[in-house]
Amino acid sequence: MTEGGTRGGPVLSHLTSIVGRRGESTRPNFDIFPFATADRILKDVAPQVKVRICDAHCEASSEKIALGHFLDGRCSLVFGTHTHIPTADAKVTPAGTAYISDVGMTGPYDSVLGRRKDRVLHHMTTALPTPFDVATNDIRLCGVLAEVDETTGKATSIERIEIGKPAAVGIRTIVAGLRGYFCEDGCI
């Protein structure tokens, strides 16, 4: 439990990380099952702690989505991590939980999950041991900004953040080039 300050005074909050291990969604081990773990952790959080934040560090997107529904209304923010790719499903539920399946990685996006493409491709195409050096191009910081009512613990908004994103000019050029390809009247 931490105490943060705002213009209105101190705010008690609780941050936890729920780790979903690969395969737990299909072959649960109830000692480490993320749903049972979340219940156990939330039971230990003092009732006066209104702002509750959960990092759902899971392999499967389906597990993160299910965990978001499971914690709906019991956490202020549930955000997924681990898969490195930011998702476009940020929302605030009617029960007041801000949710996103994956915030994305902070690191080099001109890569294979942060590692040099040439090294990873060499390994994947030859099966030879290859050091996976860290890539250095297109560095981005990804995350979310959520607003939470500190008296109720309910989220009021969530917004994806991506700093260092490359210019969208290349994307517009690609889309413009595809217009004639997919439909004669340029319907894209």
Protein backbone atom coordinates (compact mmCIF):
# COMPACT_ATOMS: atom_id res chain seq x y z
CA MET A 1 0.00 0.00 0.00
CA THR A 2 1.35 3.42 -0.88
CA GLU A 3 0.25 6.92 -0.10
CA GLY A 4 0.33 9.45 -2.89
CA GLY A 5 -0.57 13.09 -2.80
CA THR A 6 -3.02 15.09 -4.86
CA ARG A 7 -4.42 18.59 -4.60
CA GLY A 8 -7.10 17.17 -2.30
CA GLY A 9 -4.66 15.47 0.07
CA PRO A 10 -3.26 11.98 0.46
CA VAL A 11 -4.66 9.07 -1.51
CA LEU A 12 -4.16 5.46 -0.48
CA SER A 13 -3.52 3.10 -3.38
CA HIS A 14 -2.52 -0.50 -3.91
CA LEU A 15 -0.54 -1.80 -6.89
CA THR A 16 -0.25 -5.49 -7.57
CA SER A 17 1.00 -7.67 -10.38
CA ILE A 18 -0.86 -10.83 -11.32
CA VAL A 19 1.27 -13.24 -13.31
CA GLY A 20 -0.49 -15.69 -15.59
CA ARG A 21 1.78 -18.52 -16.54
CA ARG A 22 1.67 -20.04 -20.00
CA GLY A 23 -1.04 -22.66 -20.24
CA GLU A 24 -2.79 -21.71 -17.01
CA SER A 25 -5.93 -20.78 -18.91
CA THR A 26 -6.29 -24.38 -20.13
CA ARG A 27 -4.59 -26.42 -17.38
CA PRO A 28 -4.99 -24.49 -14.13
CA ASN A 29 -2.79 -25.03 -11.12
CA PHE A 30 -4.88 -23.44 -8.39
CA ASP A 31 -1.84 -22.59 -6.24
CA ILE A 32 -0.70 -20.08 -8.86
CA PHE A 33 -3.91 -19.56 -10.84
CA PRO A 34 -4.20 -15.78 -11.52
CA PHE A 35 -7.90 -15.59 -10.63
CA ALA A 36 -7.45 -17.19 -7.21
CA THR A 37 -4.34 -15.06 -6.66
CA ALA A 38 -6.28 -11.88 -7.47
CA ASP A 39 -9.02 -12.84 -5.01
CA ARG A 40 -6.45 -13.59 -2.31
CA ILE A 41 -4.65 -10.27 -2.83
CA LEU A 42 -7.84 -8.18 -2.92
CA LYS A 43 -9.04 -9.73 0.36
CA ASP A 44 -5.86 -8.41 2.02
CA VAL A 45 -6.29 -4.82 0.75
CA ALA A 46 -7.69 -2.54 3.44
CA PRO A 47 -11.22 -1.28 2.66
CA GLN A 48 -10.13 2.37 2.92
CA VAL A 49 -7.80 1.79 -0.07
CA LYS A 50 -9.94 2.90 -2.98
CA VAL A 51 -7.43 3.09 -5.85
CA ARG A 52 -6.45 -0.46 -6.84
CA ILE A 53 -4.23 -1.13 -9.83
CA CYS A 54 -3.49 -4.54 -11.33
CA ASP A 55 -0.78 -5.45 -13.86
CA ALA A 56 -2.07 -8.59 -15.62
CA HIS A 57 1.23 -10.06 -16.82
CA CYS A 58 -0.17 -12.95 -18.86
CA GLU A 59 0.81 -14.78 -22.03
CA ALA A 60 -2.67 -15.17 -23.50
CA SER A 61 -4.79 -12.17 -24.43
CA SER A 62 -7.88 -14.21 -23.60
CA GLU A 63 -6.59 -14.67 -20.04
CA LYS A 64 -6.03 -10.92 -19.67
CA ILE A 65 -9.50 -10.11 -21.01
CA ALA A 66 -11.08 -12.67 -18.68
CA LEU A 67 -9.08 -11.30 -15.74
CA GLY A 68 -10.29 -7.78 -16.64
CA HIS A 69 -13.90 -8.99 -16.47
CA PHE A 70 -13.18 -10.88 -13.23
CA LEU A 71 -11.74 -7.73 -11.58
CA ASP A 72 -14.35 -5.38 -13.09
CA GLY A 73 -15.53 -2.99 -10.39
CA ARG A 74 -12.97 -4.33 -7.88
CA CYS A 75 -9.92 -2.58 -9.38
CA SER A 76 -9.56 0.96 -10.68
CA LEU A 77 -7.19 -0.06 -13.46
CA VAL A 78 -6.34 -3.44 -14.98
CA PHE A 79 -3.65 -3.31 -17.65
CA GLY A 80 -2.02 -6.17 -19.49
CA THR A 81 1.69 -6.62 -20.10
CA HIS A 82 4.03 -9.32 -21.44
CA THR A 83 3.08 -9.65 -25.12
CA HIS A 84 4.90 -6.38 -26.02
CA ILE A 85 2.31 -5.27 -28.60
CA PRO A 86 -0.01 -2.39 -27.63
CA THR A 87 -3.69 -3.21 -28.10
CA ALA A 88 -6.48 -0.87 -29.19
CA ASP A 89 -9.09 -1.95 -26.63
CA ALA A 90 -8.68 0.68 -23.90
CA LYS A 91 -12.03 1.28 -22.20
CA VAL A 92 -13.72 2.18 -18.95
CA THR A 93 -16.33 -0.40 -18.00
CA PRO A 94 -19.76 0.53 -16.58
CA ALA A 95 -18.51 -0.75 -13.19
CA GLY A 96 -15.68 1.83 -13.26
CA THR A 97 -12.59 -0.21 -14.18
CA ALA A 98 -10.17 1.19 -16.76
CA TYR A 99 -8.91 -1.72 -18.87
CA ILE A 100 -6.48 -2.46 -21.72
CA SER A 101 -5.24 -5.90 -22.83
CA ASP A 102 -1.62 -4.80 -23.37
CA VAL A 103 0.09 -1.45 -22.91
CA GLY A 104 2.93 -2.43 -25.24
CA MET A 105 6.62 -2.47 -24.54
CA THR A 106 8.98 0.35 -23.85
CA GLY A 107 11.89 -0.29 -26.16
CA PRO A 108 12.89 -0.65 -29.80
CA TYR A 109 9.96 -1.36 -32.14
CA ASP A 110 12.13 -1.92 -35.23
CA SER A 111 12.86 -5.35 -33.82
CA VAL A 112 11.46 -8.71 -32.84
CA LEU A 113 10.18 -8.00 -29.32
CA GLY A 114 13.14 -5.72 -28.60
CA ARG A 115 15.86 -7.88 -30.16
CA ARG A 116 17.74 -7.29 -33.42
CA LYS A 117 15.69 -8.60 -36.35
CA ASP A 118 18.70 -10.03 -38.20
CA ARG A 119 19.76 -12.09 -35.15
CA VAL A 120 16.28 -13.46 -34.47
CA LEU A 121 15.66 -14.23 -38.15
CA HIS A 122 19.03 -16.01 -38.42
CA HIS A 123 18.11 -18.23 -35.49
CA MET A 124 14.57 -18.88 -36.71
CA THR A 125 15.66 -19.77 -40.26
CA THR A 126 18.73 -21.87 -39.38
CA ALA A 127 18.02 -23.19 -35.84
CA LEU A 128 21.61 -22.23 -34.99
CA PRO A 129 22.39 -20.65 -31.62
CA THR A 130 22.54 -16.89 -32.09
CA PRO A 131 22.92 -14.14 -29.50
CA PHE A 132 19.78 -11.99 -29.43
CA ASP A 133 21.35 -8.55 -29.13
CA VAL A 134 19.10 -5.67 -28.10
CA ALA A 135 17.90 -3.57 -31.05
CA THR A 136 18.42 0.18 -31.02
CA ASN A 137 16.05 1.67 -33.63
CA ASP A 138 12.59 3.20 -33.23
CA ILE A 139 12.63 3.45 -29.44
CA ARG A 140 9.18 4.07 -27.95
CA LEU A 141 7.70 4.43 -24.49
CA CYS A 142 4.24 2.92 -24.23
CA GLY A 143 1.73 2.98 -21.39
CA VAL A 144 -1.63 4.34 -20.33
CA LEU A 145 -2.95 7.39 -18.54
CA ALA A 146 -6.01 6.63 -16.42
CA GLU A 147 -8.02 9.10 -14.37
CA VAL A 148 -9.52 7.68 -11.19
CA ASP A 149 -11.92 9.25 -8.70
CA GLU A 150 -9.91 8.90 -5.50
CA THR A 151 -12.98 8.84 -3.27
CA THR A 152 -14.71 5.95 -5.06
CA GLY A 153 -11.79 4.24 -6.77
CA LYS A 154 -13.75 4.26 -10.04
CA ALA A 155 -11.96 5.15 -13.27
CA THR A 156 -13.33 7.97 -15.39
CA SER A 157 -11.02 7.69 -18.39
CA ILE A 158 -8.14 5.75 -19.92
CA GLU A 159 -5.88 6.78 -22.78
CA ARG A 160 -3.05 4.93 -24.51
CA ILE A 161 0.27 6.75 -24.48
CA GLU A 162 2.99 6.19 -27.07
CA ILE A 163 6.00 8.50 -27.11
CA GLY A 164 8.54 8.32 -29.90
CA LYS A 165 6.07 7.01 -32.47
CA PRO A 166 7.31 7.38 -36.07
CA ALA A 167 5.53 9.79 -38.39
CA ALA A 168 2.32 8.48 -39.93
CA VAL A 169 3.24 9.76 -43.41
CA GLY A 170 4.45 6.31 -44.48
CA ILE A 171 1.18 4.75 -43.35
CA ARG A 172 -0.87 7.26 -45.34
CA THR A 173 1.24 6.51 -48.40
CA ILE A 174 0.67 2.76 -48.04
CA VAL A 175 -3.09 3.18 -47.56
CA ALA A 176 -3.29 5.51 -50.56
CA GLY A 177 -1.44 2.92 -52.63
CA LEU A 178 -3.85 0.16 -51.58
CA ARG A 179 -7.02 2.10 -52.44
CA GLY A 180 -6.99 1.15 -56.11
CA TYR A 181 -5.91 -2.40 -55.35
CA PHE A 182 -8.85 -3.36 -53.14
CA CYS A 183 -11.68 -1.59 -54.93
CA GLU A 184 -12.04 0.20 -58.22
CA ASP A 185 -13.60 3.34 -56.77
CA GLY A 186 -10.90 3.79 -54.06
CA CYS A 187 -13.22 2.85 -51.20
CA ILE A 188 -10.56 2.44 -48.52
